[in-house]
């Protein structure tokens, strides 16, 4: 299992939730090397940009977007599923969620903000 590190943006996003919901989400959010090698499940997704590999983890109605660096899971964003689902519906994208994310400028802006945020 990896050490999980939240940056200040992702920490604020999860802190905005009810404490019980936070605990339930964090209980579910477990990442192992096997999980990253077996991305075929509904819970995990994988996509790349500029040589960087990013992952998506689904927990309840939320999505954790992260990358793995130096033995740690660096969480860049924690977003409610409705955020991107609404975007997909309005855009009528005929793609899977991970493929659509990889092609979305708005999504990458969110991830870049998270990558550039101070780690907590």
PDB file of N, CA and C in Angstrom:
ATOM      1  N   UNK A   1       0.844  -1.167   0.000  1.00  0.00           N
ATOM      2  CA  UNK A   1       0.000   0.000   0.000  1.00  0.00           C
ATOM      3  C   UNK A   1       0.898   1.242   0.000  1.00  0.00           C
ATOM      4  N   UNK A   2       0.453   2.274  -0.693  1.00  0.00           N
ATOM      5  CA  UNK A   2       1.196   3.523  -0.808  1.00  0.00           C
ATOM      6  C   UNK A   2       0.788   4.511   0.283  1.00  0.00           C
ATOM      7  N   UNK A   3       1.692   5.441   0.572  1.00  0.00           N
ATOM      8  CA  UNK A   3       1.350   6.566   1.426  1.00  0.00           C
ATOM      9  C   UNK A   3       0.492   7.515   0.586  1.00  0.00           C
ATOM     10  N   UNK A   4      -0.582   8.033   1.151  1.00  0.00           N
ATOM     11  CA  UNK A   4      -1.480   8.937   0.439  1.00  0.00           C
ATOM     12  C   UNK A   4      -1.232  10.356   0.930  1.00  0.00           C
ATOM     13  N   UNK A   5      -0.972  11.263  -0.035  1.00  0.00           N
ATOM     14  CA  UNK A   5      -0.680  12.658   0.272  1.00  0.00           C
ATOM     15  C   UNK A   5      -1.706  13.531  -0.449  1.00  0.00           C
ATOM     16  N   UNK A   6      -2.363  14.399   0.296  1.00  0.00           N
ATOM     17  CA  UNK A   6      -3.312  15.346  -0.284  1.00  0.00           C
ATOM     18  C   UNK A   6      -2.619  16.694  -0.422  1.00  0.00           C
ATOM     19  N   UNK A   7      -2.877  17.394  -1.532  1.00  0.00           N
ATOM     20  CA  UNK A   7      -2.393  18.768  -1.623  1.00  0.00           C
ATOM     21  C   UNK A   7      -3.446  19.665  -0.979  1.00  0.00           C
ATOM     22  N   UNK A   8      -3.178  20.961  -0.917  1.00  0.00           N
ATOM     23  CA  UNK A   8      -4.116  21.838  -0.203  1.00  0.00           C
ATOM     24  C   UNK A   8      -5.470  21.925  -0.905  1.00  0.00           C
ATOM     25  N   UNK A   9      -5.515  21.782  -2.224  1.00  0.00           N
ATOM     26  CA  UNK A   9      -6.802  21.825  -2.932  1.00  0.00           C
ATOM     27  C   UNK A   9      -7.616  20.568  -2.655  1.00  0.00           C
ATOM     28  N   UNK A  10      -7.001  19.391  -2.830  1.00  0.00           N
ATOM     29  CA  UNK A  10      -7.746  18.148  -2.597  1.00  0.00           C
ATOM     30  C   UNK A  10      -8.119  17.997  -1.122  1.00  0.00           C
ATOM     31  N   UNK A  11      -7.263  18.471  -0.219  1.00  0.00           N
ATOM     32  CA  UNK A  11      -7.589  18.425   1.217  1.00  0.00           C
ATOM     33  C   UNK A  11      -8.795  19.312   1.511  1.00  0.00           C
ATOM     34  N   UNK A  12      -8.852  20.481   0.876  1.00  0.00           N
ATOM     35  CA  UNK A  12      -9.998  21.382   1.079  1.00  0.00           C
ATOM     36  C   UNK A  12     -11.261  20.766   0.501  1.00  0.00           C
ATOM     37  N   UNK A  13     -11.143  20.089  -0.646  1.00  0.00           N
ATOM     38  CA  UNK A  13     -12.321  19.470  -1.265  1.00  0.00           C
ATOM     39  C   UNK A  13     -12.896  18.373  -0.380  1.00  0.00           C
ATOM     40  N   UNK A  14     -12.036  17.560   0.192  1.00  0.00           N
ATOM     41  CA  UNK A  14     -12.552  16.476   1.041  1.00  0.00           C
ATOM     42  C   UNK A  14     -12.977  17.027   2.402  1.00  0.00           C
ATOM     43  N   UNK A  15     -12.322  18.073   2.877  1.00  0.00           N
ATOM     44  CA  UNK A  15     -12.691  18.678   4.163  1.00  0.00           C
ATOM     45  C   UNK A  15     -14.052  19.355   4.117  1.00  0.00           C
ATOM     46  N   UNK A  16     -14.498  19.724   2.926  1.00  0.00           N
ATOM     47  CA  UNK A  16     -15.804  20.376   2.779  1.00  0.00           C
ATOM     48  C   UNK A  16     -16.956  19.392   2.977  1.00  0.00           C
ATOM     49  N   UNK A  17     -16.655  18.111   2.988  1.00  0.00           N
ATOM     50  CA  UNK A  17     -17.688  17.086   3.151  1.00  0.00           C
ATOM     51  C   UNK A  17     -17.998  16.856   4.628  1.00  0.00           C
ATOM     52  N   UNK A  18     -19.145  16.270   4.884  1.00  0.00           N
ATOM     53  CA  UNK A  18     -19.526  15.843   6.224  1.00  0.00           C
ATOM     54  C   UNK A  18     -18.462  14.873   6.742  1.00  0.00           C
ATOM     55  N   UNK A  19     -18.162  14.926   8.026  1.00  0.00           N
ATOM     56  CA  UNK A  19     -17.089  14.108   8.605  1.00  0.00           C
ATOM     57  C   UNK A  19     -17.325  12.618   8.394  1.00  0.00           C
ATOM     58  N   UNK A  20     -18.548  12.158   8.563  1.00  0.00           N
ATOM     59  CA  UNK A  20     -18.841  10.741   8.352  1.00  0.00           C
ATOM     60  C   UNK A  20     -18.571  10.350   6.902  1.00  0.00           C
ATOM     61  N   UNK A  21     -18.964  11.216   5.969  1.00  0.00           N
ATOM     62  CA  UNK A  21     -18.720  10.937   4.551  1.00  0.00           C
ATOM     63  C   UNK A  21     -17.218  10.925   4.253  1.00  0.00           C
ATOM     64  N   UNK A  22     -16.475  11.839   4.869  1.00  0.00           N
ATOM     65  CA  UNK A  22     -15.017  11.852   4.714  1.00  0.00           C
ATOM     66  C   UNK A  22     -14.420  10.512   5.151  1.00  0.00           C
ATOM     67  N   UNK A  23     -14.823  10.054   6.317  1.00  0.00           N
ATOM     68  CA  UNK A  23     -14.293   8.798   6.850  1.00  0.00           C
ATOM     69  C   UNK A  23     -14.631   7.614   5.951  1.00  0.00           C
ATOM     70  N   UNK A  24     -15.865   7.584   5.441  1.00  0.00           N
ATOM     71  CA  UNK A  24     -16.268   6.496   4.539  1.00  0.00           C
ATOM     72  C   UNK A  24     -15.446   6.515   3.256  1.00  0.00           C
ATOM     73  N   UNK A  25     -15.238   7.688   2.684  1.00  0.00           N
ATOM     74  CA  UNK A  25     -14.454   7.799   1.448  1.00  0.00           C
ATOM     75  C   UNK A  25     -12.996   7.393   1.678  1.00  0.00           C
ATOM     76  N   UNK A  26     -12.418   7.879   2.766  1.00  0.00           N
ATOM     77  CA  UNK A  26     -11.023   7.557   3.041  1.00  0.00           C
ATOM     78  C   UNK A  26     -10.840   6.077   3.375  1.00  0.00           C
ATOM     79  N   UNK A  27     -11.860   5.467   3.964  1.00  0.00           N
ATOM     80  CA  UNK A  27     -11.810   4.023   4.229  1.00  0.00           C
ATOM     81  C   UNK A  27     -11.762   3.242   2.913  1.00  0.00           C
ATOM     82  N   UNK A  28     -12.491   3.705   1.919  1.00  0.00           N
ATOM     83  CA  UNK A  28     -12.519   3.033   0.609  1.00  0.00           C
ATOM     84  C   UNK A  28     -11.269   3.286  -0.216  1.00  0.00           C
ATOM     85  N   UNK A  29     -10.657   4.441  -0.043  1.00  0.00           N
ATOM     86  CA  UNK A  29      -9.547   4.849  -0.904  1.00  0.00           C
ATOM     87  C   UNK A  29      -8.256   4.157  -0.494  1.00  0.00           C
ATOM     88  N   UNK A  30      -8.067   2.985  -1.025  1.00  0.00           N
ATOM     89  CA  UNK A  30      -6.863   2.181  -0.811  1.00  0.00           C
ATOM     90  C   UNK A  30      -6.250   1.929  -2.184  1.00  0.00           C
ATOM     91  N   UNK A  31      -4.950   2.116  -2.288  1.00  0.00           N
ATOM     92  CA  UNK A  31      -4.262   1.921  -3.560  1.00  0.00           C
ATOM     93  C   UNK A  31      -3.067   1.018  -3.330  1.00  0.00           C
ATOM     94  N   UNK A  32      -3.025  -0.080  -4.086  1.00  0.00           N
ATOM     95  CA  UNK A  32      -1.892  -0.988  -4.029  1.00  0.00           C
ATOM     96  C   UNK A  32      -1.273  -1.090  -5.427  1.00  0.00           C
ATOM     97  N   UNK A  33      -0.103  -1.651  -5.494  1.00  0.00           N
ATOM     98  CA  UNK A  33       0.571  -1.865  -6.779  1.00  0.00           C
ATOM     99  C   UNK A  33      -0.295  -2.732  -7.696  1.00  0.00           C
ATOM    100  N   UNK A  34      -0.965  -3.732  -7.122  1.00  0.00           N
ATOM    101  CA  UNK A  34      -1.852  -4.596  -7.919  1.00  0.00           C
ATOM    102  C   UNK A  34      -3.003  -3.806  -8.528  1.00  0.00           C
ATOM    103  N   UNK A  35      -3.552  -2.856  -7.776  1.00  0.00           N
ATOM    104  CA  UNK A  35      -4.635  -2.020  -8.300  1.00  0.00           C
ATOM    105  C   UNK A  35      -4.168  -1.252  -9.530  1.00  0.00           C
ATOM    106  N   UNK A  36      -2.963  -0.712  -9.473  1.00  0.00           N
ATOM    107  CA  UNK A  36      -2.442   0.100 -10.575  1.00  0.00           C
ATOM    108  C   UNK A  36      -2.088  -0.738 -11.797  1.00  0.00           C
ATOM    109  N   UNK A  37      -1.787  -2.008 -11.559  1.00  0.00           N
ATOM    110  CA  UNK A  37      -1.479  -2.905 -12.676  1.00  0.00           C
ATOM    111  C   UNK A  37      -2.725  -3.521 -13.284  1.00  0.00           C
ATOM    112  N   UNK A  38      -3.837  -3.502 -12.558  1.00  0.00           N
ATOM    113  CA  UNK A  38      -5.092  -4.097 -13.024  1.00  0.00           C
ATOM    114  C   UNK A  38      -6.163  -3.018 -13.090  1.00  0.00           C
ATOM    115  N   UNK A  39      -6.062  -2.170 -14.079  1.00  0.00           N
ATOM    116  CA  UNK A  39      -6.952  -1.012 -14.195  1.00  0.00           C
ATOM    117  C   UNK A  39      -8.298  -1.392 -14.811  1.00  0.00           C
ATOM    118  N   UNK A  40      -8.548  -2.631 -15.074  1.00  0.00           N
ATOM    119  CA  UNK A  40      -9.785  -3.057 -15.717  1.00  0.00           C
ATOM    120  C   UNK A  40     -11.035  -2.935 -14.854  1.00  0.00           C
ATOM    121  N   UNK A  41     -10.905  -2.619 -13.592  1.00  0.00           N
ATOM    122  CA  UNK A  41     -12.077  -2.550 -12.716  1.00  0.00           C
ATOM    123  C   UNK A  41     -12.805  -1.219 -12.898  1.00  0.00           C
ATOM    124  N   UNK A  42     -14.026  -1.148 -12.400  1.00  0.00           N
ATOM    125  CA  UNK A  42     -14.803   0.094 -12.457  1.00  0.00           C
ATOM    126  C   UNK A  42     -14.249   1.158 -11.517  1.00  0.00           C
ATOM    127  N   UNK A  43     -13.537   0.742 -10.511  1.00  0.00           N
ATOM    128  CA  UNK A  43     -13.059   1.700  -9.505  1.00  0.00           C
ATOM    129  C   UNK A  43     -11.869   2.511  -9.977  1.00  0.00           C
ATOM    130  N   UNK A  44     -10.991   1.909 -10.778  1.00  0.00           N
ATOM    131  CA  UNK A  44      -9.772   2.581 -11.203  1.00  0.00           C
ATOM    132  C   UNK A  44      -9.784   2.863 -12.699  1.00  0.00           C
ATOM    133  N   UNK A  45      -9.236   4.023 -13.055  1.00  0.00           N
ATOM    134  CA  UNK A  45      -9.021   4.381 -14.451  1.00  0.00           C
ATOM    135  C   UNK A  45      -7.617   4.932 -14.582  1.00  0.00           C
ATOM    136  N   UNK A  46      -7.104   4.955 -15.811  1.00  0.00           N
ATOM    137  CA  UNK A  46      -5.741   5.418 -16.060  1.00  0.00           C
ATOM    138  C   UNK A  46      -5.726   6.227 -17.343  1.00  0.00           C
ATOM    139  N   UNK A  47      -4.994   7.339 -17.352  1.00  0.00           N
ATOM    140  CA  UNK A  47      -4.826   8.129 -18.560  1.00  0.00           C
ATOM    141  C   UNK A  47      -3.505   8.874 -18.466  1.00  0.00           C
ATOM    142  N   UNK A  48      -3.025   9.371 -19.603  1.00  0.00           N
ATOM    143  CA  UNK A  48      -1.718  10.012 -19.667  1.00  0.00           C
ATOM    144  C   UNK A  48      -1.797  11.383 -20.311  1.00  0.00           C
ATOM    145  N   UNK A  49      -0.833  12.224 -19.935  1.00  0.00           N
ATOM    146  CA  UNK A  49      -0.658  13.521 -20.577  1.00  0.00           C
ATOM    147  C   UNK A  49       0.804  13.938 -20.429  1.00  0.00           C
ATOM    148  N   UNK A  50       1.401  14.279 -21.531  1.00  0.00           N
ATOM    149  CA  UNK A  50       2.796  14.744 -21.551  1.00  0.00           C
ATOM    150  C   UNK A  50       3.732  13.803 -20.799  1.00  0.00           C
ATOM    151  N   UNK A  51       3.538  12.503 -20.975  1.00  0.00           N
ATOM    152  CA  UNK A  51       4.404  11.520 -20.338  1.00  0.00           C
ATOM    153  C   UNK A  51       4.106  11.240 -18.878  1.00  0.00           C
ATOM    154  N   UNK A  52       3.110  11.922 -18.297  1.00  0.00           N
ATOM    155  CA  UNK A  52       2.716  11.680 -16.904  1.00  0.00           C
ATOM    156  C   UNK A  52       1.501  10.758 -16.890  1.00  0.00           C
ATOM    157  N   UNK A  53       1.517   9.793 -15.994  1.00  0.00           N
ATOM    158  CA  UNK A  53       0.401   8.863 -15.838  1.00  0.00           C
ATOM    159  C   UNK A  53      -0.445   9.321 -14.657  1.00  0.00           C
ATOM    160  N   UNK A  54      -1.748   9.446 -14.898  1.00  0.00           N
ATOM    161  CA  UNK A  54      -2.700   9.837 -13.868  1.00  0.00           C
ATOM    162  C   UNK A  54      -3.718   8.725 -13.690  1.00  0.00           C
ATOM    163  N   UNK A  55      -4.302   8.671 -12.512  1.00  0.00           N
ATOM    164  CA  UNK A  55      -5.280   7.644 -12.191  1.00  0.00           C
ATOM    165  C   UNK A  55      -6.547   8.278 -11.648  1.00  0.00           C
ATOM    166  N   UNK A  56      -7.634   7.510 -11.778  1.00  0.00           N
ATOM    167  CA  UNK A  56      -8.914   7.904 -11.222  1.00  0.00           C
ATOM    168  C   UNK A  56      -9.393   6.759 -10.341  1.00  0.00           C
ATOM    169  N   UNK A  57      -9.879   7.090  -9.159  1.00  0.00           N
ATOM    170  CA  UNK A  57     -10.463   6.104  -8.261  1.00  0.00           C
ATOM    171  C   UNK A  57     -11.875   6.550  -7.929  1.00  0.00           C
ATOM    172  N   UNK A  58     -12.844   5.650  -8.107  1.00  0.00           N
ATOM    173  CA  UNK A  58     -14.239   5.947  -7.780  1.00  0.00           C
ATOM    174  C   UNK A  58     -14.568   5.430  -6.386  1.00  0.00           C
ATOM    175  N   UNK A  59     -15.129   6.309  -5.589  1.00  0.00           N
ATOM    176  CA  UNK A  59     -15.604   5.939  -4.257  1.00  0.00           C
ATOM    177  C   UNK A  59     -16.939   6.643  -4.047  1.00  0.00           C
ATOM    178  N   UNK A  60     -17.989   5.871  -3.922  1.00  0.00           N
ATOM    179  CA  UNK A  60     -19.344   6.414  -3.783  1.00  0.00           C
ATOM    180  C   UNK A  60     -19.619   7.371  -4.936  1.00  0.00           C
ATOM    181  N   UNK A  61     -19.983   8.609  -4.655  1.00  0.00           N
ATOM    182  CA  UNK A  61     -20.274   9.591  -5.706  1.00  0.00           C
ATOM    183  C   UNK A  61     -19.086  10.507  -5.992  1.00  0.00           C
ATOM    184  N   UNK A  62     -17.895  10.111  -5.587  1.00  0.00           N
ATOM    185  CA  UNK A  62     -16.715  10.958  -5.741  1.00  0.00           C
ATOM    186  C   UNK A  62     -15.645  10.276  -6.566  1.00  0.00           C
ATOM    187  N   UNK A  63     -14.778  11.108  -7.137  1.00  0.00           N
ATOM    188  CA  UNK A  63     -13.648  10.634  -7.925  1.00  0.00           C
ATOM    189  C   UNK A  63     -12.379  11.261  -7.359  1.00  0.00           C
ATOM    190  N   UNK A  64     -11.402  10.422  -7.050  1.00  0.00           N
ATOM    191  CA  UNK A  64     -10.084  10.879  -6.620  1.00  0.00           C
ATOM    192  C   UNK A  64      -9.197  10.830  -7.858  1.00  0.00           C
ATOM    193  N   UNK A  65      -8.542  11.934  -8.193  1.00  0.00           N
ATOM    194  CA  UNK A  65      -7.617  11.980  -9.324  1.00  0.00           C
ATOM    195  C   UNK A  65      -6.223  12.142  -8.751  1.00  0.00           C
ATOM    196  N   UNK A  66      -5.326  11.221  -9.113  1.00  0.00           N
ATOM    197  CA  UNK A  66      -4.019  11.203  -8.475  1.00  0.00           C
ATOM    198  C   UNK A  66      -2.948  10.679  -9.419  1.00  0.00           C
ATOM    199  N   UNK A  67      -1.703  10.861  -8.989  1.00  0.00           N
ATOM    200  CA  UNK A  67      -0.577  10.232  -9.661  1.00  0.00           C
ATOM    201  C   UNK A  67       0.295   9.594  -8.591  1.00  0.00           C
ATOM    202  N   UNK A  68       1.157   8.690  -9.013  1.00  0.00           N
ATOM    203  CA  UNK A  68       2.055   8.005  -8.087  1.00  0.00           C
ATOM    204  C   UNK A  68       3.465   8.523  -8.339  1.00  0.00           C
ATOM    205  N   UNK A  69       4.085   9.031  -7.278  1.00  0.00           N
ATOM    206  CA  UNK A  69       5.447   9.574  -7.362  1.00  0.00           C
ATOM    207  C   UNK A  69       6.224   9.159  -6.127  1.00  0.00           C
ATOM    208  N   UNK A  70       7.410   8.653  -6.346  1.00  0.00           N
ATOM    209  CA  UNK A  70       8.324   8.345  -5.234  1.00  0.00           C
ATOM    210  C   UNK A  70       7.661   7.528  -4.137  1.00  0.00           C
ATOM    211  N   UNK A  71       6.860   6.531  -4.518  1.00  0.00           N
ATOM    212  CA  UNK A  71       6.226   5.665  -3.537  1.00  0.00           C
ATOM    213  C   UNK A  71       5.024   6.248  -2.827  1.00  0.00           C
ATOM    214  N   UNK A  72       4.535   7.401  -3.296  1.00  0.00           N
ATOM    215  CA  UNK A  72       3.362   8.034  -2.681  1.00  0.00           C
ATOM    216  C   UNK A  72       2.274   8.259  -3.718  1.00  0.00           C
ATOM    217  N   UNK A  73       1.049   8.208  -3.256  1.00  0.00           N
ATOM    218  CA  UNK A  73      -0.104   8.583  -4.074  1.00  0.00           C
ATOM    219  C   UNK A  73      -0.357  10.060  -3.787  1.00  0.00           C
ATOM    220  N   UNK A  74      -0.203  10.889  -4.809  1.00  0.00           N
ATOM    221  CA  UNK A  74      -0.409  12.327  -4.666  1.00  0.00           C
ATOM    222  C   UNK A  74      -1.801  12.646  -5.218  1.00  0.00           C
ATOM    223  N   UNK A  75      -2.722  12.993  -4.333  1.00  0.00           N
ATOM    224  CA  UNK A  75      -4.103  13.288  -4.724  1.00  0.00           C
ATOM    225  C   UNK A  75      -4.170  14.746  -5.164  1.00  0.00           C
ATOM    226  N   UNK A  76      -4.544  14.942  -6.446  1.00  0.00           N
ATOM    227  CA  UNK A  76      -4.626  16.293  -6.999  1.00  0.00           C
ATOM    228  C   UNK A  76      -6.014  16.898  -6.850  1.00  0.00           C
ATOM    229  N   UNK A  77      -7.049  16.082  -6.993  1.00  0.00           N
ATOM    230  CA  UNK A  77      -8.422  16.588  -6.875  1.00  0.00           C
ATOM    231  C   UNK A  77      -9.323  15.497  -6.324  1.00  0.00           C
ATOM    232  N   UNK A  78     -10.385  15.908  -5.614  1.00  0.00           N
ATOM    233  CA  UNK A  78     -11.464  15.025  -5.177  1.00  0.00           C
ATOM    234  C   UNK A  78     -12.745  15.719  -5.640  1.00  0.00           C
ATOM    235  N   UNK A  79     -13.396  15.151  -6.661  1.00  0.00           N
ATOM    236  CA  UNK A  79     -14.546  15.804  -7.288  1.00  0.00           C
ATOM    237  C   UNK A  79     -15.786  14.930  -7.207  1.00  0.00           C
ATOM    238  N   UNK A  80     -16.917  15.543  -7.047  1.00  0.00           N
ATOM    239  CA  UNK A  80     -18.190  14.834  -7.076  1.00  0.00           C
ATOM    240  C   UNK A  80     -18.453  14.376  -8.502  1.00  0.00           C
ATOM    241  N   UNK A  81     -18.999  13.177  -8.654  1.00  0.00           N
ATOM    242  CA  UNK A  81     -19.203  12.627  -9.998  1.00  0.00           C
ATOM    243  C   UNK A  81     -20.090  13.514 -10.861  1.00  0.00           C
ATOM    244  N   UNK A  82     -21.032  14.228 -10.260  1.00  0.00           N
ATOM    245  CA  UNK A  82     -21.924  15.097 -11.024  1.00  0.00           C
ATOM    246  C   UNK A  82     -21.186  16.203 -11.746  1.00  0.00           C
ATOM    247  N   UNK A  83     -20.049  16.604 -11.224  1.00  0.00           N
ATOM    248  CA  UNK A  83     -19.277  17.676 -11.845  1.00  0.00           C
ATOM    249  C   UNK A  83     -18.909  17.317 -13.269  1.00  0.00           C
ATOM    250  N   UNK A  84     -18.316  16.164 -13.455  1.00  0.00           N
ATOM    251  CA  UNK A  84     -17.906  15.770 -14.807  1.00  0.00           C
ATOM    252  C   UNK A  84     -19.048  15.135 -15.579  1.00  0.00           C
ATOM    253  N   UNK A  85     -19.940  14.431 -14.910  1.00  0.00           N
ATOM    254  CA  UNK A  85     -21.081  13.830 -15.597  1.00  0.00           C
ATOM    255  C   UNK A  85     -21.943  14.901 -16.255  1.00  0.00           C
ATOM    256  N   UNK A  86     -22.178  15.991 -15.547  1.00  0.00           N
ATOM    257  CA  UNK A  86     -22.948  17.092 -16.129  1.00  0.00           C
ATOM    258  C   UNK A  86     -22.245  17.644 -17.350  1.00  0.00           C
ATOM    259  N   UNK A  87     -20.937  17.780 -17.276  1.00  0.00           N
ATOM    260  CA  UNK A  87     -20.161  18.267 -18.420  1.00  0.00           C
ATOM    261  C   UNK A  87     -20.308  17.316 -19.606  1.00  0.00           C
ATOM    262  N   UNK A  88     -20.202  16.015 -19.343  1.00  0.00           N
ATOM    263  CA  UNK A  88     -20.356  15.035 -20.428  1.00  0.00           C
ATOM    264  C   UNK A  88     -21.744  15.114 -21.048  1.00  0.00           C
ATOM    265  N   UNK A  89     -22.761  15.245 -20.221  1.00  0.00           N
ATOM    266  CA  UNK A  89     -24.126  15.310 -20.733  1.00  0.00           C
ATOM    267  C   UNK A  89     -24.306  16.542 -21.614  1.00  0.00           C
ATOM    268  N   UNK A  90     -23.836  17.687 -21.134  1.00  0.00           N
ATOM    269  CA  UNK A  90     -23.984  18.918 -21.917  1.00  0.00           C
ATOM    270  C   UNK A  90     -23.180  18.861 -23.198  1.00  0.00           C
ATOM    271  N   UNK A  91     -22.021  18.225 -23.154  1.00  0.00           N
ATOM    272  CA  UNK A  91     -21.158  18.162 -24.336  1.00  0.00           C
ATOM    273  C   UNK A  91     -21.539  17.023 -25.269  1.00  0.00           C
ATOM    274  N   UNK A  92     -22.342  16.067 -24.752  1.00  0.00           N
ATOM    275  CA  UNK A  92     -22.757  14.884 -25.521  1.00  0.00           C
ATOM    276  C   UNK A  92     -21.562  14.136 -26.116  1.00  0.00           C
ATOM    277  N   UNK A  93     -20.565  13.928 -25.282  1.00  0.00           N
ATOM    278  CA  UNK A  93     -19.374  13.218 -25.726  1.00  0.00           C
ATOM    279  C   UNK A  93     -19.666  11.723 -25.817  1.00  0.00           C
ATOM    280  N   UNK A  94     -19.389  11.112 -26.960  1.00  0.00           N
ATOM    281  CA  UNK A  94     -19.623   9.670 -27.105  1.00  0.00           C
ATOM    282  C   UNK A  94     -18.420   8.843 -26.661  1.00  0.00           C
ATOM    283  N   UNK A  95     -17.820   9.208 -25.536  1.00  0.00           N
ATOM    284  CA  UNK A  95     -16.604   8.552 -25.068  1.00  0.00           C
ATOM    285  C   UNK A  95     -16.815   7.992 -23.675  1.00  0.00           C
ATOM    286  N   UNK A  96     -15.916   7.113 -23.278  1.00  0.00           N
ATOM    287  CA  UNK A  96     -15.897   6.652 -21.905  1.00  0.00           C
ATOM    288  C   UNK A  96     -15.384   7.773 -21.011  1.00  0.00           C
ATOM    289  N   UNK A  97     -15.628   7.671 -19.721  1.00  0.00           N
ATOM    290  CA  UNK A  97     -15.252   8.737 -18.790  1.00  0.00           C
ATOM    291  C   UNK A  97     -13.762   9.039 -18.824  1.00  0.00           C
ATOM    292  N   UNK A  98     -12.915   8.009 -18.766  1.00  0.00           N
ATOM    293  CA  UNK A  98     -11.471   8.251 -18.721  1.00  0.00           C
ATOM    294  C   UNK A  98     -10.953   8.837 -20.034  1.00  0.00           C
ATOM    295  N   UNK A  99     -11.463   8.352 -21.153  1.00  0.00           N
ATOM    296  CA  UNK A  99     -11.046   8.883 -22.449  1.00  0.00           C
ATOM    297  C   UNK A  99     -11.483  10.338 -22.598  1.00  0.00           C
ATOM    298  N   UNK A 100     -12.689  10.645 -22.157  1.00  0.00           N
ATOM    299  CA  UNK A 100     -13.176  12.018 -22.216  1.00  0.00           C
ATOM    300  C   UNK A 100     -12.336  12.924 -21.322  1.00  0.00           C
ATOM    301  N   UNK A 101     -11.964  12.437 -20.144  1.00  0.00           N
ATOM    302  CA  UNK A 101     -11.125  13.229 -19.245  1.00  0.00           C
ATOM    303  C   UNK A 101      -9.783  13.544 -19.893  1.00  0.00           C
ATOM    304  N   UNK A 102      -9.186  12.546 -20.501  1.00  0.00           N
ATOM    305  CA  UNK A 102      -7.878  12.737 -21.117  1.00  0.00           C
ATOM    306  C   UNK A 102      -7.918  13.785 -22.220  1.00  0.00           C
ATOM    307  N   UNK A 103      -9.078  14.010 -22.821  1.00  0.00           N
ATOM    308  CA  UNK A 103      -9.215  14.974 -23.911  1.00  0.00           C
ATOM    309  C   UNK A 103      -9.828  16.303 -23.488  1.00  0.00           C
ATOM    310  N   UNK A 104     -10.099  16.483 -22.214  1.00  0.00           N
ATOM    311  CA  UNK A 104     -10.790  17.676 -21.738  1.00  0.00           C
ATOM    312  C   UNK A 104      -9.807  18.729 -21.215  1.00  0.00           C
ATOM    313  N   UNK A 105      -9.768  19.905 -21.817  1.00  0.00           N
ATOM    314  CA  UNK A 105      -8.903  20.994 -21.344  1.00  0.00           C
ATOM    315  C   UNK A 105      -9.316  21.451 -19.951  1.00  0.00           C
ATOM    316  N   UNK A 106     -10.623  21.486 -19.698  1.00  0.00           N
ATOM    317  CA  UNK A 106     -11.116  21.906 -18.385  1.00  0.00           C
ATOM    318  C   UNK A 106     -10.619  20.955 -17.296  1.00  0.00           C
ATOM    319  N   UNK A 107     -10.685  19.656 -17.559  1.00  0.00           N
ATOM    320  CA  UNK A 107     -10.217  18.676 -16.591  1.00  0.00           C
ATOM    321  C   UNK A 107      -8.731  18.875 -16.299  1.00  0.00           C
ATOM    322  N   UNK A 108      -7.922  19.063 -17.342  1.00  0.00           N
ATOM    323  CA  UNK A 108      -6.486  19.220 -17.135  1.00  0.00           C
ATOM    324  C   UNK A 108      -6.166  20.501 -16.382  1.00  0.00           C
ATOM    325  N   UNK A 109      -6.983  21.528 -16.550  1.00  0.00           N
ATOM    326  CA  UNK A 109      -6.783  22.749 -15.774  1.00  0.00           C
ATOM    327  C   UNK A 109      -6.970  22.437 -14.285  1.00  0.00           C
ATOM    328  N   UNK A 110      -8.017  21.657 -13.959  1.00  0.00           N
ATOM    329  CA  UNK A 110      -8.247  21.265 -12.564  1.00  0.00           C
ATOM    330  C   UNK A 110      -7.073  20.454 -12.020  1.00  0.00           C
ATOM    331  N   UNK A 111      -6.583  19.509 -12.822  1.00  0.00           N
ATOM    332  CA  UNK A 111      -5.465  18.665 -12.391  1.00  0.00           C
ATOM    333  C   UNK A 111      -4.204  19.506 -12.221  1.00  0.00           C
ATOM    334  N   UNK A 112      -3.932  20.402 -13.163  1.00  0.00           N
ATOM    335  CA  UNK A 112      -2.741  21.251 -13.051  1.00  0.00           C
ATOM    336  C   UNK A 112      -2.787  22.125 -11.809  1.00  0.00           C
ATOM    337  N   UNK A 113      -3.971  22.654 -11.478  1.00  0.00           N
ATOM    338  CA  UNK A 113      -4.098  23.421 -10.234  1.00  0.00           C
ATOM    339  C   UNK A 113      -3.731  22.555  -9.037  1.00  0.00           C
ATOM    340  N   UNK A 114      -4.204  21.308  -9.056  1.00  0.00           N
ATOM    341  CA  UNK A 114      -3.885  20.390  -7.968  1.00  0.00           C
ATOM    342  C   UNK A 114      -2.411  20.023  -7.921  1.00  0.00           C
ATOM    343  N   UNK A 115      -1.801  19.798  -9.095  1.00  0.00           N
ATOM    344  CA  UNK A 115      -0.383  19.436  -9.137  1.00  0.00           C
ATOM    345  C   UNK A 115       0.491  20.569  -8.619  1.00  0.00           C
ATOM    346  N   UNK A 116       0.068  21.798  -8.862  1.00  0.00           N
ATOM    347  CA  UNK A 116       0.872  22.948  -8.462  1.00  0.00           C
ATOM    348  C   UNK A 116       0.576  23.419  -7.036  1.00  0.00           C
ATOM    349  N   UNK A 117      -0.420  22.832  -6.393  1.00  0.00           N
ATOM    350  CA  UNK A 117      -0.777  23.219  -5.027  1.00  0.00           C
ATOM    351  C   UNK A 117       0.225  22.625  -4.035  1.00  0.00           C
ATOM    352  N   UNK A 118       0.343  23.300  -2.926  1.00  0.00           N
ATOM    353  CA  UNK A 118       1.244  22.833  -1.859  1.00  0.00           C
ATOM    354  C   UNK A 118       0.694  21.555  -1.243  1.00  0.00           C
ATOM    355  N   UNK A 119       1.584  20.612  -1.016  1.00  0.00           N
ATOM    356  CA  UNK A 119       1.197  19.352  -0.374  1.00  0.00           C
ATOM    357  C   UNK A 119       1.087  19.548   1.120  1.00  0.00           C
ATOM    358  N   UNK A 120       0.120  18.831   1.696  1.00  0.00           N
ATOM    359  CA  UNK A 120      -0.124  18.949   3.143  1.00  0.00           C
ATOM    360  C   UNK A 120       0.454  17.743   3.846  1.00  0.00           C
TER     361      UNK A 120
END
